[in-house]
Amino acid sequence: MIDLTVRLREDPAAVEHVFRLVADGGRAQPATTLPDPDAALAAVEKYGEGIFFPKPGPPRLCTQQYGGPQVAVVTGIFHGRTVDSVFTRTDGCEISRWNAMAALLGSAGGA
């Protein structure tokens, strides 16, 4: 079971957009409000475990590039585990996380 809420702001002064992904049995359910629920579900199934619950490891070097002011907060349940993740585009590592989950974040902003 997947039940995730995404709160997206294209910039700090922008209106907050709220999307929801609800899936069961590998299929998006009617409560889903994302623009492309099938793509969002595919991204979550492919990258969710590693992005929502990263394993500790050595420090990463990230390129110092700025991808934009967008911020997305994802909360909810992913296969029985609680999710509380923040996505930004503040450096190369964060841009990579954003791009992997772009379909879930429901944003055209730079993604």
PDB file of N, CA and C in Angstrom:
ATOM      1  N   MET A   1       0.849  -1.187   0.000  1.00  0.00           N
ATOM      2  CA  MET A   1       0.000   0.000   0.000  1.00  0.00           C
ATOM      3  C   MET A   1       0.887   1.240   0.000  1.00  0.00           C
ATOM      4  N   ILE A   2       0.532   2.170  -0.839  1.00  0.00           N
ATOM      5  CA  ILE A   2       1.225   3.449  -0.922  1.00  0.00           C
ATOM      6  C   ILE A   2       0.181   4.544  -0.768  1.00  0.00           C
ATOM      7  N   ASP A   3       0.439   5.485   0.117  1.00  0.00           N
ATOM      8  CA  ASP A   3      -0.426   6.649   0.288  1.00  0.00           C
ATOM      9  C   ASP A   3       0.485   7.826   0.610  1.00  0.00           C
ATOM     10  N   LEU A   4       0.824   8.607  -0.421  1.00  0.00           N
ATOM     11  CA  LEU A   4       1.765   9.715  -0.276  1.00  0.00           C
ATOM     12  C   LEU A   4       1.094  11.030  -0.642  1.00  0.00           C
ATOM     13  N   THR A   5       1.380  12.057   0.144  1.00  0.00           N
ATOM     14  CA  THR A   5       0.930  13.407  -0.138  1.00  0.00           C
ATOM     15  C   THR A   5       2.148  14.245  -0.480  1.00  0.00           C
ATOM     16  N   VAL A   6       2.046  14.999  -1.553  1.00  0.00           N
ATOM     17  CA  VAL A   6       3.129  15.872  -2.011  1.00  0.00           C
ATOM     18  C   VAL A   6       2.660  17.312  -1.890  1.00  0.00           C
ATOM     19  N   ARG A   7       3.452  18.125  -1.204  1.00  0.00           N
ATOM     20  CA  ARG A   7       3.196  19.565  -1.084  1.00  0.00           C
ATOM     21  C   ARG A   7       4.315  20.272  -1.826  1.00  0.00           C
ATOM     22  N   LEU A   8       3.974  20.921  -2.930  1.00  0.00           N
ATOM     23  CA  LEU A   8       4.960  21.513  -3.827  1.00  0.00           C
ATOM     24  C   LEU A   8       4.799  23.024  -3.901  1.00  0.00           C
ATOM     25  N   ARG A   9       5.928  23.712  -3.817  1.00  0.00           N
ATOM     26  CA  ARG A   9       5.979  25.150  -4.083  1.00  0.00           C
ATOM     27  C   ARG A   9       7.031  25.375  -5.159  1.00  0.00           C
ATOM     28  N   GLU A  10       6.616  26.037  -6.238  1.00  0.00           N
ATOM     29  CA  GLU A  10       7.552  26.327  -7.328  1.00  0.00           C
ATOM     30  C   GLU A  10       8.588  27.370  -6.908  1.00  0.00           C
ATOM     31  N   ASP A  11       8.237  28.235  -5.960  1.00  0.00           N
ATOM     32  CA  ASP A  11       9.180  29.152  -5.319  1.00  0.00           C
ATOM     33  C   ASP A  11       8.563  29.521  -3.969  1.00  0.00           C
ATOM     34  N   PRO A  12       9.366  30.095  -3.054  1.00  0.00           N
ATOM     35  CA  PRO A  12       8.848  30.336  -1.695  1.00  0.00           C
ATOM     36  C   PRO A  12       7.585  31.192  -1.632  1.00  0.00           C
ATOM     37  N   ALA A  13       7.389  32.110  -2.582  1.00  0.00           N
ATOM     38  CA  ALA A  13       6.219  32.986  -2.557  1.00  0.00           C
ATOM     39  C   ALA A  13       5.029  32.405  -3.324  1.00  0.00           C
ATOM     40  N   ALA A  14       5.212  31.272  -3.979  1.00  0.00           N
ATOM     41  CA  ALA A  14       4.161  30.698  -4.828  1.00  0.00           C
ATOM     42  C   ALA A  14       3.095  29.980  -4.005  1.00  0.00           C
ATOM     43  N   VAL A  15       1.971  29.777  -4.642  1.00  0.00           N
ATOM     44  CA  VAL A  15       0.887  28.995  -4.058  1.00  0.00           C
ATOM     45  C   VAL A  15       1.353  27.545  -3.927  1.00  0.00           C
ATOM     46  N   GLU A  16       0.982  26.912  -2.835  1.00  0.00           N
ATOM     47  CA  GLU A  16       1.326  25.507  -2.622  1.00  0.00           C
ATOM     48  C   GLU A  16       0.364  24.621  -3.413  1.00  0.00           C
ATOM     49  N   HIS A  17       0.925  23.674  -4.159  1.00  0.00           N
ATOM     50  CA  HIS A  17       0.129  22.667  -4.859  1.00  0.00           C
ATOM     51  C   HIS A  17       0.191  21.381  -4.052  1.00  0.00           C
ATOM     52  N   VAL A  18      -0.930  20.704  -3.917  1.00  0.00           N
ATOM     53  CA  VAL A  18      -0.979  19.460  -3.155  1.00  0.00           C
ATOM     54  C   VAL A  18      -1.455  18.350  -4.082  1.00  0.00           C
ATOM     55  N   PHE A  19      -0.679  17.266  -4.110  1.00  0.00           N
ATOM     56  CA  PHE A  19      -1.001  16.091  -4.911  1.00  0.00           C
ATOM     57  C   PHE A  19      -1.009  14.878  -3.990  1.00  0.00           C
ATOM     58  N   ARG A  20      -1.671  13.838  -4.451  1.00  0.00           N
ATOM     59  CA  ARG A  20      -1.706  12.600  -3.659  1.00  0.00           C
ATOM     60  C   ARG A  20      -1.541  11.407  -4.589  1.00  0.00           C
ATOM     61  N   LEU A  21      -0.759  10.432  -4.122  1.00  0.00           N
ATOM     62  CA  LEU A  21      -0.619   9.149  -4.816  1.00  0.00           C
ATOM     63  C   LEU A  21      -1.101   8.063  -3.874  1.00  0.00           C
ATOM     64  N   VAL A  22      -2.143   7.383  -4.282  1.00  0.00           N
ATOM     65  CA  VAL A  22      -2.661   6.244  -3.529  1.00  0.00           C
ATOM     66  C   VAL A  22      -2.607   5.048  -4.464  1.00  0.00           C
ATOM     67  N   ALA A  23      -1.946   3.981  -4.021  1.00  0.00           N
ATOM     68  CA  ALA A  23      -1.812   2.787  -4.855  1.00  0.00           C
ATOM     69  C   ALA A  23      -1.938   1.546  -3.994  1.00  0.00           C
ATOM     70  N   ASP A  24      -2.502   0.531  -4.588  1.00  0.00           N
ATOM     71  CA  ASP A  24      -2.633  -0.759  -3.927  1.00  0.00           C
ATOM     72  C   ASP A  24      -2.561  -1.831  -5.010  1.00  0.00           C
ATOM     73  N   GLY A  25      -1.833  -2.886  -4.739  1.00  0.00           N
ATOM     74  CA  GLY A  25      -1.716  -3.975  -5.701  1.00  0.00           C
ATOM     75  C   GLY A  25      -1.036  -3.544  -6.995  1.00  0.00           C
ATOM     76  N   GLY A  26      -0.154  -2.553  -6.920  1.00  0.00           N
ATOM     77  CA  GLY A  26       0.567  -2.107  -8.102  1.00  0.00           C
ATOM     78  C   GLY A  26      -0.223  -1.213  -9.038  1.00  0.00           C
ATOM     79  N   ARG A  27      -1.380  -0.731  -8.566  1.00  0.00           N
ATOM     80  CA  ARG A  27      -2.217   0.140  -9.404  1.00  0.00           C
ATOM     81  C   ARG A  27      -2.586   1.405  -8.640  1.00  0.00           C
ATOM     82  N   ALA A  28      -2.532   2.531  -9.350  1.00  0.00           N
ATOM     83  CA  ALA A  28      -2.991   3.784  -8.773  1.00  0.00           C
ATOM     84  C   ALA A  28      -4.487   3.688  -8.509  1.00  0.00           C
ATOM     85  N   GLN A  29      -4.917   4.237  -7.399  1.00  0.00           N
ATOM     86  CA  GLN A  29      -6.322   4.208  -7.000  1.00  0.00           C
ATOM     87  C   GLN A  29      -6.997   5.544  -7.316  1.00  0.00           C
ATOM     88  N   PRO A  30      -8.331   5.579  -7.329  1.00  0.00           N
ATOM     89  CA  PRO A  30      -9.068   6.792  -7.720  1.00  0.00           C
ATOM     90  C   PRO A  30      -8.743   8.034  -6.880  1.00  0.00           C
ATOM     91  N   ALA A  31      -8.274   7.873  -5.652  1.00  0.00           N
ATOM     92  CA  ALA A  31      -7.951   9.034  -4.808  1.00  0.00           C
ATOM     93  C   ALA A  31      -6.693   9.767  -5.279  1.00  0.00           C
ATOM     94  N   THR A  32      -5.976   9.203  -6.227  1.00  0.00           N
ATOM     95  CA  THR A  32      -4.752   9.818  -6.738  1.00  0.00           C
ATOM     96  C   THR A  32      -5.095  11.084  -7.517  1.00  0.00           C
ATOM     97  N   THR A  33      -4.308  12.148  -7.279  1.00  0.00           N
ATOM     98  CA  THR A  33      -4.559  13.429  -7.941  1.00  0.00           C
ATOM     99  C   THR A  33      -3.358  13.932  -8.749  1.00  0.00           C
ATOM    100  N   LEU A  34      -2.365  13.108  -8.947  1.00  0.00           N
ATOM    101  CA  LEU A  34      -1.186  13.506  -9.728  1.00  0.00           C
ATOM    102  C   LEU A  34      -1.517  13.567 -11.214  1.00  0.00           C
ATOM    103  N   PRO A  35      -0.807  14.418 -11.967  1.00  0.00           N
ATOM    104  CA  PRO A  35      -1.054  14.517 -13.410  1.00  0.00           C
ATOM    105  C   PRO A  35      -0.831  13.203 -14.168  1.00  0.00           C
ATOM    106  N   ASP A  36       0.184  12.433 -13.777  1.00  0.00           N
ATOM    107  CA  ASP A  36       0.476  11.161 -14.456  1.00  0.00           C
ATOM    108  C   ASP A  36       0.679  10.079 -13.398  1.00  0.00           C
ATOM    109  N   PRO A  37      -0.416   9.502 -12.886  1.00  0.00           N
ATOM    110  CA  PRO A  37      -0.304   8.546 -11.782  1.00  0.00           C
ATOM    111  C   PRO A  37       0.516   7.312 -12.111  1.00  0.00           C
ATOM    112  N   ASP A  38       0.455   6.812 -13.336  1.00  0.00           N
ATOM    113  CA  ASP A  38       1.220   5.612 -13.677  1.00  0.00           C
ATOM    114  C   ASP A  38       2.719   5.888 -13.637  1.00  0.00           C
ATOM    115  N   ALA A  39       3.146   7.036 -14.164  1.00  0.00           N
ATOM    116  CA  ALA A  39       4.564   7.404 -14.125  1.00  0.00           C
ATOM    117  C   ALA A  39       5.019   7.648 -12.684  1.00  0.00           C
ATOM    118  N   ALA A  40       4.167   8.281 -11.881  1.00  0.00           N
ATOM    119  CA  ALA A  40       4.496   8.532 -10.479  1.00  0.00           C
ATOM    120  C   ALA A  40       4.675   7.216  -9.731  1.00  0.00           C
ATOM    121  N   LEU A  41       3.757   6.286  -9.943  1.00  0.00           N
ATOM    122  CA  LEU A  41       3.853   4.993  -9.276  1.00  0.00           C
ATOM    123  C   LEU A  41       5.108   4.243  -9.717  1.00  0.00           C
ATOM    124  N   ALA A  42       5.421   4.285 -11.003  1.00  0.00           N
ATOM    125  CA  ALA A  42       6.636   3.621 -11.500  1.00  0.00           C
ATOM    126  C   ALA A  42       7.884   4.220 -10.858  1.00  0.00           C
ATOM    127  N   ALA A  43       7.947   5.547 -10.729  1.00  0.00           N
ATOM    128  CA  ALA A  43       9.107   6.193 -10.103  1.00  0.00           C
ATOM    129  C   ALA A  43       9.221   5.818  -8.632  1.00  0.00           C
ATOM    130  N   VAL A  44       8.090   5.819  -7.930  1.00  0.00           N
ATOM    131  CA  VAL A  44       8.100   5.474  -6.500  1.00  0.00           C
ATOM    132  C   VAL A  44       8.533   4.030  -6.297  1.00  0.00           C
ATOM    133  N   GLU A  45       8.023   3.122  -7.118  1.00  0.00           N
ATOM    134  CA  GLU A  45       8.404   1.716  -6.971  1.00  0.00           C
ATOM    135  C   GLU A  45       9.886   1.501  -7.300  1.00  0.00           C
ATOM    136  N   LYS A  46      10.399   2.227  -8.293  1.00  0.00           N
ATOM    137  CA  LYS A  46      11.788   2.053  -8.707  1.00  0.00           C
ATOM    138  C   LYS A  46      12.770   2.704  -7.732  1.00  0.00           C
ATOM    139  N   TYR A  47      12.482   3.926  -7.292  1.00  0.00           N
ATOM    140  CA  TYR A  47      13.452   4.692  -6.504  1.00  0.00           C
ATOM    141  C   TYR A  47      13.059   4.935  -5.049  1.00  0.00           C
ATOM    142  N   GLY A  48      11.811   4.663  -4.688  1.00  0.00           N
ATOM    143  CA  GLY A  48      11.308   5.030  -3.368  1.00  0.00           C
ATOM    144  C   GLY A  48      12.106   4.494  -2.203  1.00  0.00           C
ATOM    145  N   GLU A  49      12.412   3.225  -2.225  1.00  0.00           N
ATOM    146  CA  GLU A  49      13.141   2.618  -1.097  1.00  0.00           C
ATOM    147  C   GLU A  49      14.448   3.362  -0.831  1.00  0.00           C
ATOM    148  N   GLY A  50      15.243   3.563  -1.861  1.00  0.00           N
ATOM    149  CA  GLY A  50      16.541   4.210  -1.701  1.00  0.00           C
ATOM    150  C   GLY A  50      16.456   5.689  -1.395  1.00  0.00           C
ATOM    151  N   ILE A  51      15.452   6.364  -1.947  1.00  0.00           N
ATOM    152  CA  ILE A  51      15.332   7.808  -1.728  1.00  0.00           C
ATOM    153  C   ILE A  51      14.641   8.124  -0.404  1.00  0.00           C
ATOM    154  N   PHE A  52      13.579   7.422  -0.073  1.00  0.00           N
ATOM    155  CA  PHE A  52      12.878   7.688   1.176  1.00  0.00           C
ATOM    156  C   PHE A  52      13.623   7.162   2.395  1.00  0.00           C
ATOM    157  N   PHE A  53      14.353   6.073   2.225  1.00  0.00           N
ATOM    158  CA  PHE A  53      15.038   5.428   3.357  1.00  0.00           C
ATOM    159  C   PHE A  53      16.495   5.143   3.001  1.00  0.00           C
ATOM    160  N   PRO A  54      17.304   6.187   2.765  1.00  0.00           N
ATOM    161  CA  PRO A  54      18.690   5.961   2.348  1.00  0.00           C
ATOM    162  C   PRO A  54      19.498   5.261   3.429  1.00  0.00           C
ATOM    163  N   LYS A  55      20.382   4.412   2.986  1.00  0.00           N
ATOM    164  CA  LYS A  55      21.268   3.711   3.910  1.00  0.00           C
ATOM    165  C   LYS A  55      22.465   4.607   4.207  1.00  0.00           C
ATOM    166  N   PRO A  56      22.944   4.601   5.447  1.00  0.00           N
ATOM    167  CA  PRO A  56      24.119   5.412   5.772  1.00  0.00           C
ATOM    168  C   PRO A  56      25.315   4.968   4.925  1.00  0.00           C
ATOM    169  N   GLY A  57      26.115   5.905   4.572  1.00  0.00           N
ATOM    170  CA  GLY A  57      27.295   5.603   3.778  1.00  0.00           C
ATOM    171  C   GLY A  57      28.286   6.745   3.876  1.00  0.00           C
ATOM    172  N   PRO A  58      29.314   6.660   3.099  1.00  0.00           N
ATOM    173  CA  PRO A  58      30.308   7.734   3.149  1.00  0.00           C
ATOM    174  C   PRO A  58      29.703   9.035   2.619  1.00  0.00           C
ATOM    175  N   PRO A  59      30.262  10.167   3.019  1.00  0.00           N
ATOM    176  CA  PRO A  59      29.768  11.450   2.517  1.00  0.00           C
ATOM    177  C   PRO A  59      29.862  11.500   0.995  1.00  0.00           C
ATOM    178  N   ARG A  60      28.896  12.175   0.380  1.00  0.00           N
ATOM    179  CA  ARG A  60      28.884  12.304  -1.075  1.00  0.00           C
ATOM    180  C   ARG A  60      29.395  13.687  -1.470  1.00  0.00           C
ATOM    181  N   LEU A  61      30.070  13.728  -2.594  1.00  0.00           N
ATOM    182  CA  LEU A  61      30.451  15.007  -3.176  1.00  0.00           C
ATOM    183  C   LEU A  61      29.370  15.391  -4.178  1.00  0.00           C
ATOM    184  N   CYS A  62      28.867  16.606  -4.057  1.00  0.00           N
ATOM    185  CA  CYS A  62      27.787  17.060  -4.920  1.00  0.00           C
ATOM    186  C   CYS A  62      28.235  18.300  -5.684  1.00  0.00           C
ATOM    187  N   THR A  63      27.898  18.352  -6.957  1.00  0.00           N
ATOM    188  CA  THR A  63      28.232  19.535  -7.737  1.00  0.00           C
ATOM    189  C   THR A  63      27.498  20.739  -7.159  1.00  0.00           C
ATOM    190  N   GLN A  64      28.146  21.856  -7.174  1.00  0.00           N
ATOM    191  CA  GLN A  64      27.564  23.076  -6.629  1.00  0.00           C
ATOM    192  C   GLN A  64      26.852  23.845  -7.743  1.00  0.00           C
ATOM    193  N   GLN A  65      25.759  23.264  -8.197  1.00  0.00           N
ATOM    194  CA  GLN A  65      24.928  23.919  -9.191  1.00  0.00           C
ATOM    195  C   GLN A  65      23.562  24.143  -8.571  1.00  0.00           C
ATOM    196  N   TYR A  66      22.899  25.177  -9.013  1.00  0.00           N
ATOM    197  CA  TYR A  66      21.591  25.528  -8.473  1.00  0.00           C
ATOM    198  C   TYR A  66      20.541  25.214  -9.528  1.00  0.00           C
ATOM    199  N   GLY A  67      19.555  24.422  -9.172  1.00  0.00           N
ATOM    200  CA  GLY A  67      18.542  24.010 -10.133  1.00  0.00           C
ATOM    201  C   GLY A  67      17.236  24.757 -10.031  1.00  0.00           C
ATOM    202  N   GLY A  68      17.079  25.602  -9.032  1.00  0.00           N
ATOM    203  CA  GLY A  68      15.851  26.372  -8.897  1.00  0.00           C
ATOM    204  C   GLY A  68      15.334  26.387  -7.475  1.00  0.00           C
ATOM    205  N   PRO A  69      14.310  27.212  -7.212  1.00  0.00           N
ATOM    206  CA  PRO A  69      13.808  27.389  -5.855  1.00  0.00           C
ATOM    207  C   PRO A  69      12.737  26.380  -5.421  1.00  0.00           C
ATOM    208  N   GLN A  70      12.402  25.432  -6.273  1.00  0.00           N
ATOM    209  CA  GLN A  70      11.313  24.507  -5.963  1.00  0.00           C
ATOM    210  C   GLN A  70      11.610  23.694  -4.693  1.00  0.00           C
ATOM    211  N   VAL A  71      10.553  23.464  -3.920  1.00  0.00           N
ATOM    212  CA  VAL A  71      10.626  22.612  -2.736  1.00  0.00           C
ATOM    213  C   VAL A  71       9.386  21.730  -2.726  1.00  0.00           C
ATOM    214  N   ALA A  72       9.584  20.439  -2.492  1.00  0.00           N
ATOM    215  CA  ALA A  72       8.472  19.505  -2.359  1.00  0.00           C
ATOM    216  C   ALA A  72       8.657  18.701  -1.076  1.00  0.00           C
ATOM    217  N   VAL A  73       7.594  18.560  -0.325  1.00  0.00           N
ATOM    218  CA  VAL A  73       7.607  17.761   0.900  1.00  0.00           C
ATOM    219  C   VAL A  73       6.675  16.573   0.662  1.00  0.00           C
ATOM    220  N   VAL A  74       7.220  15.375   0.846  1.00  0.00           N
ATOM    221  CA  VAL A  74       6.447  14.149   0.635  1.00  0.00           C
ATOM    222  C   VAL A  74       6.268  13.465   1.987  1.00  0.00           C
ATOM    223  N   THR A  75       5.011  13.213   2.356  1.00  0.00           N
ATOM    224  CA  THR A  75       4.702  12.517   3.603  1.00  0.00           C
ATOM    225  C   THR A  75       3.703  11.404   3.318  1.00  0.00           C
ATOM    226  N   GLY A  76       3.665  10.433   4.219  1.00  0.00           N
ATOM    227  CA  GLY A  76       2.678   9.363   4.079  1.00  0.00           C
ATOM    228  C   GLY A  76       3.263   8.004   4.365  1.00  0.00           C
ATOM    229  N   ILE A  77       2.759   7.002   3.650  1.00  0.00           N
ATOM    230  CA  ILE A  77       3.123   5.602   3.870  1.00  0.00           C
ATOM    231  C   ILE A  77       3.600   4.988   2.561  1.00  0.00           C
ATOM    232  N   PHE A  78       4.734   4.299   2.631  1.00  0.00           N
ATOM    233  CA  PHE A  78       5.285   3.566   1.493  1.00  0.00           C
ATOM    234  C   PHE A  78       5.522   2.134   1.953  1.00  0.00           C
ATOM    235  N   HIS A  79       4.694   1.217   1.510  1.00  0.00           N
ATOM    236  CA  HIS A  79       4.789  -0.206   1.870  1.00  0.00           C
ATOM    237  C   HIS A  79       4.973  -0.404   3.378  1.00  0.00           C
ATOM    238  N   GLY A  80       4.111   0.263   4.148  1.00  0.00           N
ATOM    239  CA  GLY A  80       4.094   0.089   5.596  1.00  0.00           C
ATOM    240  C   GLY A  80       5.081   0.941   6.369  1.00  0.00           C
ATOM    241  N   ARG A  81       5.898   1.724   5.696  1.00  0.00           N
ATOM    242  CA  ARG A  81       6.879   2.569   6.371  1.00  0.00           C
ATOM    243  C   ARG A  81       6.491   4.040   6.227  1.00  0.00           C
ATOM    244  N   THR A  82       6.724   4.809   7.277  1.00  0.00           N
ATOM    245  CA  THR A  82       6.386   6.228   7.278  1.00  0.00           C
ATOM    246  C   THR A  82       7.406   7.024   6.466  1.00  0.00           C
ATOM    247  N   VAL A  83       6.902   7.879   5.592  1.00  0.00           N
ATOM    248  CA  VAL A  83       7.736   8.730   4.746  1.00  0.00           C
ATOM    249  C   VAL A  83       7.592  10.178   5.202  1.00  0.00           C
ATOM    250  N   ASP A  84       8.721  10.870   5.305  1.00  0.00           N
ATOM    251  CA  ASP A  84       8.757  12.303   5.577  1.00  0.00           C
ATOM    252  C   ASP A  84      10.021  12.825   4.901  1.00  0.00           C
ATOM    253  N   SER A  85       9.925  13.188   3.620  1.00  0.00           N
ATOM    254  CA  SER A  85      11.091  13.568   2.815  1.00  0.00           C
ATOM    255  C   SER A  85      10.908  14.952   2.207  1.00  0.00           C
ATOM    256  N   VAL A  86      12.003  15.681   2.148  1.00  0.00           N
ATOM    257  CA  VAL A  86      12.015  16.995   1.522  1.00  0.00           C
ATOM    258  C   VAL A  86      12.880  16.911   0.268  1.00  0.00           C
ATOM    259  N   PHE A  87      12.367  17.468  -0.830  1.00  0.00           N
ATOM    260  CA  PHE A  87      13.086  17.506  -2.103  1.00  0.00           C
ATOM    261  C   PHE A  87      13.335  18.959  -2.472  1.00  0.00           C
ATOM    262  N   THR A  88      14.579  19.259  -2.854  1.00  0.00           N
ATOM    263  CA  THR A  88      14.946  20.598  -3.312  1.00  0.00           C
ATOM    264  C   THR A  88      15.792  20.450  -4.568  1.00  0.00           C
ATOM    265  N   ARG A  89      16.220  21.571  -5.109  1.00  0.00           N
ATOM    266  CA  ARG A  89      17.078  21.557  -6.297  1.00  0.00           C
ATOM    267  C   ARG A  89      18.310  22.419  -6.030  1.00  0.00           C
ATOM    268  N   THR A  90      18.853  22.328  -4.808  1.00  0.00           N
ATOM    269  CA  THR A  90      19.906  23.231  -4.359  1.00  0.00           C
ATOM    270  C   THR A  90      21.320  22.824  -4.745  1.00  0.00           C
ATOM    271  N   ASP A  91      21.527  21.589  -5.157  1.00  0.00           N
ATOM    272  CA  ASP A  91      22.847  21.147  -5.622  1.00  0.00           C
ATOM    273  C   ASP A  91      22.673  19.912  -6.492  1.00  0.00           C
ATOM    274  N   GLY A  92      23.769  19.415  -7.046  1.00  0.00           N
ATOM    275  CA  GLY A  92      23.690  18.291  -7.978  1.00  0.00           C
ATOM    276  C   GLY A  92      23.051  17.053  -7.387  1.00  0.00           C
ATOM    277  N   CYS A  93      23.331  16.753  -6.133  1.00  0.00           N
ATOM    278  CA  CYS A  93      22.749  15.563  -5.502  1.00  0.00           C
ATOM    279  C   CYS A  93      21.235  15.716  -5.332  1.00  0.00           C
ATOM    280  N   GLU A  94      20.817  16.898  -4.902  1.00  0.00           N
ATOM    281  CA  GLU A  94      19.381  17.139  -4.714  1.00  0.00           C
ATOM    282  C   GLU A  94      18.651  17.181  -6.051  1.00  0.00           C
ATOM    283  N   ILE A  95      19.275  17.739  -7.072  1.00  0.00           N
ATOM    284  CA  ILE A  95      18.668  17.749  -8.407  1.00  0.00           C
ATOM    285  C   ILE A  95      18.482  16.321  -8.904  1.00  0.00           C
ATOM    286  N   SER A  96      19.443  15.455  -8.645  1.00  0.00           N
ATOM    287  CA  SER A  96      19.344  14.051  -9.052  1.00  0.00           C
ATOM    288  C   SER A  96      18.171  13.358  -8.352  1.00  0.00           C
ATOM    289  N   ARG A  97      18.015  13.588  -7.040  1.00  0.00           N
ATOM    290  CA  ARG A  97      16.875  13.019  -6.298  1.00  0.00           C
ATOM    291  C   ARG A  97      15.560  13.528  -6.886  1.00  0.00           C
ATOM    292  N   TRP A  98      15.516  14.839  -7.151  1.00  0.00           N
ATOM    293  CA  TRP A  98      14.305  15.459  -7.710  1.00  0.00           C
ATOM    294  C   TRP A  98      13.959  14.819  -9.045  1.00  0.00           C
ATOM    295  N   ASN A  99      14.948  14.722  -9.924  1.00  0.00           N
ATOM    296  CA  ASN A  99      14.689  14.180 -11.260  1.00  0.00           C
ATOM    297  C   ASN A  99      14.209  12.735 -11.207  1.00  0.00           C
ATOM    298  N   ALA A 100      14.743  11.947 -10.287  1.00  0.00           N
ATOM    299  CA  ALA A 100      14.313  10.550 -10.156  1.00  0.00           C
ATOM    300  C   ALA A 100      12.831  10.469  -9.773  1.00  0.00           C
ATOM    301  N   MET A 101      12.370  11.412  -8.972  1.00  0.00           N
ATOM    302  CA  MET A 101      10.997  11.379  -8.474  1.00  0.00           C
ATOM    303  C   MET A 101      10.108  12.450  -9.099  1.00  0.00           C
ATOM    304  N   ALA A 102      10.527  13.028 -10.218  1.00  0.00           N
ATOM    305  CA  ALA A 102       9.799  14.133 -10.847  1.00  0.00           C
ATOM    306  C   ALA A 102       8.328  13.806 -11.099  1.00  0.00           C
ATOM    307  N   ALA A 103       8.029  12.610 -11.533  1.00  0.00           N
ATOM    308  CA  ALA A 103       6.619  12.255 -11.808  1.00  0.00           C
ATOM    309  C   ALA A 103       5.788  12.278 -10.525  1.00  0.00           C
ATOM    310  N   LEU A 104       6.385  11.915  -9.403  1.00  0.00           N
ATOM    311  CA  LEU A 104       5.679  11.972  -8.124  1.00  0.00           C
ATOM    312  C   LEU A 104       5.505  13.415  -7.673  1.00  0.00           C
ATOM    313  N   LEU A 105       6.521  14.230  -7.907  1.00  0.00           N
ATOM    314  CA  LEU A 105       6.480  15.606  -7.410  1.00  0.00           C
ATOM    315  C   LEU A 105       5.499  16.471  -8.190  1.00  0.00           C
ATOM    316  N   GLY A 106       5.077  16.006  -9.348  1.00  0.00           N
ATOM    317  CA  GLY A 106       4.036  16.694 -10.097  1.00  0.00           C
ATOM    318  C   GLY A 106       4.434  18.049 -10.610  1.00  0.00           C
ATOM    319  N   SER A 107       5.750  18.262 -10.774  1.00  0.00           N
ATOM    320  CA  SER A 107       6.238  19.581 -11.144  1.00  0.00           C
ATOM    321  C   SER A 107       6.859  19.613 -12.516  1.00  0.00           C
ATOM    322  N   ALA A 108       6.569  20.661 -13.240  1.00  0.00           N
ATOM    323  CA  ALA A 108       7.288  20.916 -14.483  1.00  0.00           C
ATOM    324  C   ALA A 108       8.481  21.801 -14.188  1.00  0.00           C
ATOM    325  N   GLY A 109       8.522  22.383 -13.002  1.00  0.00           N
ATOM    326  CA  GLY A 109       9.549  23.343 -12.631  1.00  0.00           C
ATOM    327  C   GLY A 109      10.944  22.770 -12.670  1.00  0.00           C
ATOM    328  N   GLY A 110      11.608  22.881 -13.789  1.00  0.00           N
ATOM    329  CA  GLY A 110      12.976  22.449 -13.919  1.00  0.00           C
ATOM    330  C   GLY A 110      13.158  20.962 -14.051  1.00  0.00           C
ATOM    331  N   ALA A 111      12.102  20.199 -13.887  1.00  0.00           N
ATOM    332  CA  ALA A 111      12.263  18.745 -13.901  1.00  0.00           C
ATOM    333  C   ALA A 111      12.064  18.182 -15.285  1.00  0.00           C
TER     334      ALA A 111
END
